[in-house]
């Protein structure tokens, strides 16, 4: 019986892996490819924050290369420049601030 609860919990956790942070809900999302890496870039509606989720499967990607690609993906998706020193996160989700206000609603 306990294994069903564990399976359900695991499936719910996996379903949340590609979801943006709550402050990004309702904002635009654009999918961008940079040098073989694919990202979904989520934008804070009416704000300055973004999240780039790497959705391509890559074996042991370099953090430096992933951040460089995410930086470019964010600029391509938003049309804004990334604020220097604002990149954070890991190889799967990179967060940043941009220098221009993002659209109020998605698309």
N, C-alpha and C. Protein backbone atom coordinates (compact mmCIF):
# COMPACT_ATOMS: atom_id res chain seq x y z
N UNK A 1 0.80 -1.20 0.00
CA UNK A 1 0.00 0.00 0.00
C UNK A 1 0.85 1.27 0.00
N UNK A 2 1.90 1.29 0.80
CA UNK A 2 2.75 2.48 0.91
C UNK A 2 3.43 2.81 -0.40
N UNK A 3 3.66 1.78 -1.24
CA UNK A 3 4.36 2.01 -2.50
C UNK A 3 3.51 2.84 -3.46
N UNK A 4 2.19 2.74 -3.35
CA UNK A 4 1.32 3.58 -4.19
C UNK A 4 1.47 5.05 -3.82
N UNK A 5 1.50 5.32 -2.53
CA UNK A 5 1.67 6.70 -2.07
C UNK A 5 3.04 7.24 -2.49
N UNK A 6 4.05 6.39 -2.41
CA UNK A 6 5.39 6.79 -2.84
C UNK A 6 5.42 7.07 -4.33
N UNK A 7 4.78 6.22 -5.12
CA UNK A 7 4.72 6.41 -6.57
C UNK A 7 3.99 7.70 -6.92
N UNK A 8 2.89 7.97 -6.28
CA UNK A 8 2.13 9.20 -6.53
C UNK A 8 2.97 10.42 -6.16
N UNK A 9 3.65 10.37 -5.02
CA UNK A 9 4.51 11.49 -4.60
C UNK A 9 5.63 11.71 -5.60
N UNK A 10 6.23 10.64 -6.09
CA UNK A 10 7.30 10.74 -7.08
C UNK A 10 6.79 11.35 -8.38
N UNK A 11 5.64 10.92 -8.84
CA UNK A 11 5.07 11.47 -10.08
C UNK A 11 4.73 12.95 -9.93
N UNK A 12 4.20 13.33 -8.78
CA UNK A 12 3.90 14.75 -8.55
C UNK A 12 5.18 15.59 -8.51
N UNK A 13 6.23 15.05 -7.91
CA UNK A 13 7.51 15.77 -7.86
C UNK A 13 8.08 15.94 -9.26
N UNK A 14 8.01 14.89 -10.07
CA UNK A 14 8.53 14.99 -11.43
C UNK A 14 7.71 15.95 -12.28
N UNK A 15 6.41 16.02 -12.04
CA UNK A 15 5.56 16.94 -12.80
C UNK A 15 5.94 18.39 -12.54
N UNK A 16 6.48 18.69 -11.38
CA UNK A 16 6.86 20.05 -11.04
C UNK A 16 8.23 20.46 -11.52
N UNK A 17 8.98 19.53 -12.11
CA UNK A 17 10.35 19.83 -12.52
C UNK A 17 10.46 20.89 -13.60
N UNK A 18 9.46 21.00 -14.46
CA UNK A 18 9.53 21.98 -15.55
C UNK A 18 8.60 23.16 -15.29
N UNK A 19 8.22 23.35 -14.05
CA UNK A 19 7.35 24.47 -13.71
C UNK A 19 8.19 25.64 -13.22
N UNK A 20 7.82 26.86 -13.61
CA UNK A 20 8.56 28.01 -13.12
C UNK A 20 8.21 28.33 -11.67
N UNK A 21 8.99 29.20 -11.07
CA UNK A 21 8.70 29.69 -9.72
C UNK A 21 7.35 30.42 -9.76
N UNK A 22 6.63 30.44 -8.64
CA UNK A 22 5.30 31.09 -8.62
C UNK A 22 5.29 32.53 -9.14
N UNK A 23 6.35 33.29 -8.90
CA UNK A 23 6.34 34.68 -9.38
C UNK A 23 6.43 34.78 -10.90
N UNK A 24 6.71 33.68 -11.59
CA UNK A 24 6.76 33.66 -13.06
C UNK A 24 5.43 33.28 -13.68
N UNK A 25 4.50 32.75 -12.87
CA UNK A 25 3.21 32.29 -13.39
C UNK A 25 2.49 33.44 -14.08
N UNK A 26 1.95 33.16 -15.24
CA UNK A 26 1.22 34.16 -15.99
C UNK A 26 2.11 34.98 -16.91
N UNK A 27 3.41 34.81 -16.78
CA UNK A 27 4.33 35.53 -17.65
C UNK A 27 4.58 34.78 -18.94
N UNK A 28 5.30 35.41 -19.83
CA UNK A 28 5.61 34.80 -21.12
C UNK A 28 6.62 33.67 -20.94
N UNK A 29 6.58 32.71 -21.85
CA UNK A 29 7.57 31.64 -21.91
C UNK A 29 7.96 31.47 -23.37
N UNK A 30 9.25 31.43 -23.60
CA UNK A 30 9.75 31.20 -24.96
C UNK A 30 10.78 30.09 -24.91
N UNK A 31 10.75 29.22 -25.92
CA UNK A 31 11.74 28.15 -26.02
C UNK A 31 12.81 28.59 -27.02
N UNK A 32 14.06 28.45 -26.62
CA UNK A 32 15.19 28.93 -27.42
C UNK A 32 16.27 27.86 -27.43
N UNK A 33 16.94 27.70 -28.58
CA UNK A 33 18.09 26.79 -28.67
C UNK A 33 19.36 27.60 -28.88
N UNK A 34 20.40 27.25 -28.15
CA UNK A 34 21.70 27.90 -28.26
C UNK A 34 22.77 26.82 -28.26
N UNK A 35 23.51 26.71 -29.35
CA UNK A 35 24.63 25.76 -29.46
C UNK A 35 24.27 24.35 -29.00
N UNK A 36 23.11 23.86 -29.39
CA UNK A 36 22.71 22.49 -29.06
C UNK A 36 21.98 22.33 -27.74
N UNK A 37 21.91 23.37 -26.93
CA UNK A 37 21.15 23.32 -25.67
C UNK A 37 19.80 24.00 -25.89
N UNK A 38 18.74 23.37 -25.39
CA UNK A 38 17.40 23.95 -25.50
C UNK A 38 16.96 24.45 -24.14
N UNK A 39 16.42 25.66 -24.10
CA UNK A 39 15.96 26.29 -22.86
C UNK A 39 14.52 26.75 -23.01
N UNK A 40 13.78 26.66 -21.90
CA UNK A 40 12.48 27.34 -21.79
C UNK A 40 12.74 28.52 -20.87
N UNK A 41 12.53 29.70 -21.41
CA UNK A 41 12.79 30.93 -20.65
C UNK A 41 11.46 31.48 -20.16
N UNK A 42 11.30 31.51 -18.84
CA UNK A 42 10.09 32.02 -18.19
C UNK A 42 10.37 33.43 -17.71
N UNK A 43 9.42 34.35 -17.95
CA UNK A 43 9.61 35.76 -17.61
C UNK A 43 8.60 36.21 -16.56
N UNK A 44 9.09 36.95 -15.59
CA UNK A 44 8.22 37.50 -14.55
C UNK A 44 7.30 38.55 -15.18
N UNK A 45 5.98 38.40 -15.08
CA UNK A 45 5.10 39.37 -15.71
C UNK A 45 5.26 40.77 -15.12
N UNK A 46 5.62 41.72 -15.98
CA UNK A 46 5.79 43.11 -15.56
C UNK A 46 7.01 43.35 -14.70
N UNK A 47 7.90 42.36 -14.62
CA UNK A 47 9.07 42.49 -13.76
C UNK A 47 10.37 42.45 -14.53
N UNK A 48 11.42 42.04 -13.83
CA UNK A 48 12.77 42.05 -14.40
C UNK A 48 13.48 40.70 -14.21
N UNK A 49 12.79 39.71 -13.67
CA UNK A 49 13.42 38.42 -13.37
C UNK A 49 13.05 37.38 -14.41
N UNK A 50 13.99 36.48 -14.69
CA UNK A 50 13.74 35.39 -15.62
C UNK A 50 14.33 34.09 -15.07
N UNK A 51 13.80 32.97 -15.57
CA UNK A 51 14.35 31.65 -15.29
C UNK A 51 14.54 30.96 -16.63
N UNK A 52 15.71 30.38 -16.85
CA UNK A 52 15.98 29.59 -18.05
C UNK A 52 16.12 28.14 -17.62
N UNK A 53 15.17 27.30 -18.02
CA UNK A 53 15.19 25.87 -17.69
C UNK A 53 15.80 25.12 -18.87
N UNK A 54 16.92 24.44 -18.63
CA UNK A 54 17.52 23.64 -19.71
C UNK A 54 16.69 22.38 -19.85
N UNK A 55 16.12 22.16 -21.04
CA UNK A 55 15.25 21.01 -21.26
C UNK A 55 15.87 19.99 -22.20
N UNK A 56 17.05 20.26 -22.71
CA UNK A 56 17.73 19.28 -23.55
C UNK A 56 18.49 18.30 -22.66
N UNK A 57 18.56 17.05 -23.12
CA UNK A 57 19.28 16.02 -22.37
C UNK A 57 20.75 16.10 -22.76
N UNK A 58 21.62 16.31 -21.77
CA UNK A 58 23.05 16.43 -22.01
C UNK A 58 23.78 15.66 -20.91
N UNK A 59 24.77 14.90 -21.29
CA UNK A 59 25.55 14.12 -20.32
C UNK A 59 26.59 15.01 -19.66
N UNK A 60 26.47 15.22 -18.36
CA UNK A 60 27.43 16.00 -17.57
C UNK A 60 27.82 17.33 -18.23
N UNK A 61 26.85 18.21 -18.44
CA UNK A 61 27.20 19.48 -19.08
C UNK A 61 28.06 20.35 -18.15
N UNK A 62 28.94 21.10 -18.74
CA UNK A 62 29.78 22.03 -18.00
C UNK A 62 28.92 23.16 -17.46
N UNK A 63 29.12 23.51 -16.20
CA UNK A 63 28.35 24.62 -15.61
C UNK A 63 28.68 25.93 -16.31
N UNK A 64 29.93 26.15 -16.63
CA UNK A 64 30.35 27.38 -17.30
C UNK A 64 29.68 27.49 -18.67
N UNK A 65 29.71 26.40 -19.45
CA UNK A 65 29.07 26.42 -20.78
C UNK A 65 27.56 26.56 -20.67
N UNK A 66 26.96 25.87 -19.70
CA UNK A 66 25.51 25.97 -19.52
C UNK A 66 25.11 27.40 -19.18
N UNK A 67 25.86 28.05 -18.27
CA UNK A 67 25.56 29.43 -17.92
C UNK A 67 25.74 30.36 -19.12
N UNK A 68 26.77 30.15 -19.91
CA UNK A 68 26.99 30.99 -21.10
C UNK A 68 25.85 30.82 -22.09
N UNK A 69 25.40 29.59 -22.29
CA UNK A 69 24.28 29.34 -23.21
C UNK A 69 22.97 29.90 -22.66
N UNK A 70 22.75 29.75 -21.35
CA UNK A 70 21.53 30.29 -20.73
C UNK A 70 21.51 31.82 -20.83
N UNK A 71 22.66 32.44 -20.63
CA UNK A 71 22.80 33.90 -20.75
C UNK A 71 22.32 34.34 -22.13
N UNK A 72 22.82 33.66 -23.16
CA UNK A 72 22.44 34.00 -24.54
C UNK A 72 20.97 33.70 -24.78
N UNK A 73 20.47 32.57 -24.26
CA UNK A 73 19.06 32.21 -24.44
C UNK A 73 18.14 33.25 -23.81
N UNK A 74 18.51 33.75 -22.64
CA UNK A 74 17.71 34.77 -21.96
C UNK A 74 17.65 36.04 -22.81
N UNK A 75 18.79 36.45 -23.33
CA UNK A 75 18.81 37.66 -24.16
C UNK A 75 18.01 37.48 -25.44
N UNK A 76 18.10 36.29 -26.06
CA UNK A 76 17.32 36.03 -27.27
C UNK A 76 15.82 36.01 -26.99
N UNK A 77 15.43 35.37 -25.89
CA UNK A 77 14.01 35.22 -25.57
C UNK A 77 13.35 36.52 -25.13
N UNK A 78 14.10 37.34 -24.40
CA UNK A 78 13.50 38.56 -23.83
C UNK A 78 13.75 39.81 -24.66
N UNK A 79 14.82 39.82 -25.44
CA UNK A 79 15.20 41.04 -26.15
C UNK A 79 15.86 42.05 -25.23
N UNK A 80 16.19 41.64 -24.01
CA UNK A 80 16.81 42.50 -23.01
C UNK A 80 18.22 42.00 -22.71
N UNK A 81 19.03 42.85 -22.13
CA UNK A 81 20.38 42.46 -21.70
C UNK A 81 20.30 41.90 -20.28
N UNK A 82 21.11 40.87 -20.01
CA UNK A 82 21.21 40.31 -18.67
C UNK A 82 22.03 41.27 -17.81
N UNK A 83 21.56 41.56 -16.61
CA UNK A 83 22.27 42.43 -15.68
C UNK A 83 23.54 41.71 -15.20
N UNK A 84 24.68 42.36 -15.32
CA UNK A 84 25.97 41.76 -14.92
C UNK A 84 25.91 41.29 -13.47
N UNK A 85 26.40 40.07 -13.25
CA UNK A 85 26.46 39.51 -11.91
C UNK A 85 25.16 38.93 -11.39
N UNK A 86 24.12 38.90 -12.21
CA UNK A 86 22.82 38.44 -11.71
C UNK A 86 22.54 36.96 -11.99
N UNK A 87 23.38 36.29 -12.76
CA UNK A 87 23.15 34.87 -13.05
C UNK A 87 23.33 34.03 -11.79
N UNK A 88 22.45 33.08 -11.62
CA UNK A 88 22.55 32.16 -10.50
C UNK A 88 21.90 30.85 -10.87
N UNK A 89 21.98 29.87 -10.01
CA UNK A 89 21.33 28.61 -10.26
C UNK A 89 22.29 27.46 -10.45
N UNK A 90 21.89 26.52 -11.29
CA UNK A 90 22.70 25.33 -11.53
C UNK A 90 22.61 24.93 -12.99
N UNK A 91 22.99 23.71 -13.32
CA UNK A 91 23.01 23.26 -14.71
C UNK A 91 21.62 23.06 -15.31
N UNK A 92 20.59 23.00 -14.48
CA UNK A 92 19.23 22.77 -14.96
C UNK A 92 18.41 24.05 -15.02
N UNK A 93 18.50 24.89 -14.00
CA UNK A 93 17.71 26.13 -13.94
C UNK A 93 18.64 27.29 -13.62
N UNK A 94 18.67 28.25 -14.53
CA UNK A 94 19.50 29.45 -14.36
C UNK A 94 18.55 30.63 -14.17
N UNK A 95 18.80 31.42 -13.14
CA UNK A 95 18.00 32.61 -12.89
C UNK A 95 18.82 33.86 -13.20
N UNK A 96 18.14 34.94 -13.52
CA UNK A 96 18.84 36.19 -13.83
C UNK A 96 17.87 37.36 -13.74
N UNK A 97 18.45 38.55 -13.79
CA UNK A 97 17.68 39.80 -13.92
C UNK A 97 18.03 40.40 -15.27
N UNK A 98 17.08 41.09 -15.86
CA UNK A 98 17.32 41.77 -17.13
C UNK A 98 17.14 43.26 -16.95
N UNK A 99 17.67 44.03 -17.89
CA UNK A 99 17.69 45.49 -17.75
C UNK A 99 16.47 46.19 -18.34
N UNK A 100 15.45 45.46 -18.72
CA UNK A 100 14.23 46.10 -19.21
C UNK A 100 13.01 45.39 -18.65
N UNK A 101 11.92 46.10 -18.56
CA UNK A 101 10.69 45.56 -17.99
C UNK A 101 10.08 44.54 -18.95
N UNK A 102 9.67 43.41 -18.40
CA UNK A 102 9.10 42.34 -19.20
C UNK A 102 7.59 42.53 -19.37
N UNK A 103 7.00 41.90 -20.38
CA UNK A 103 5.55 42.08 -20.62
C UNK A 103 4.70 41.67 -19.42
N UNK A 104 3.57 42.31 -19.26
CA UNK A 104 2.65 42.02 -18.15
C UNK A 104 2.07 40.62 -18.23
N UNK A 105 1.71 40.16 -19.40
CA UNK A 105 1.05 38.87 -19.58
C UNK A 105 1.84 38.00 -20.55
N UNK A 106 1.53 36.70 -20.49
CA UNK A 106 2.20 35.73 -21.34
C UNK A 106 2.07 36.00 -22.82
N UNK A 107 3.03 35.47 -23.57
CA UNK A 107 3.16 35.51 -25.03
C UNK A 107 3.96 36.64 -25.46
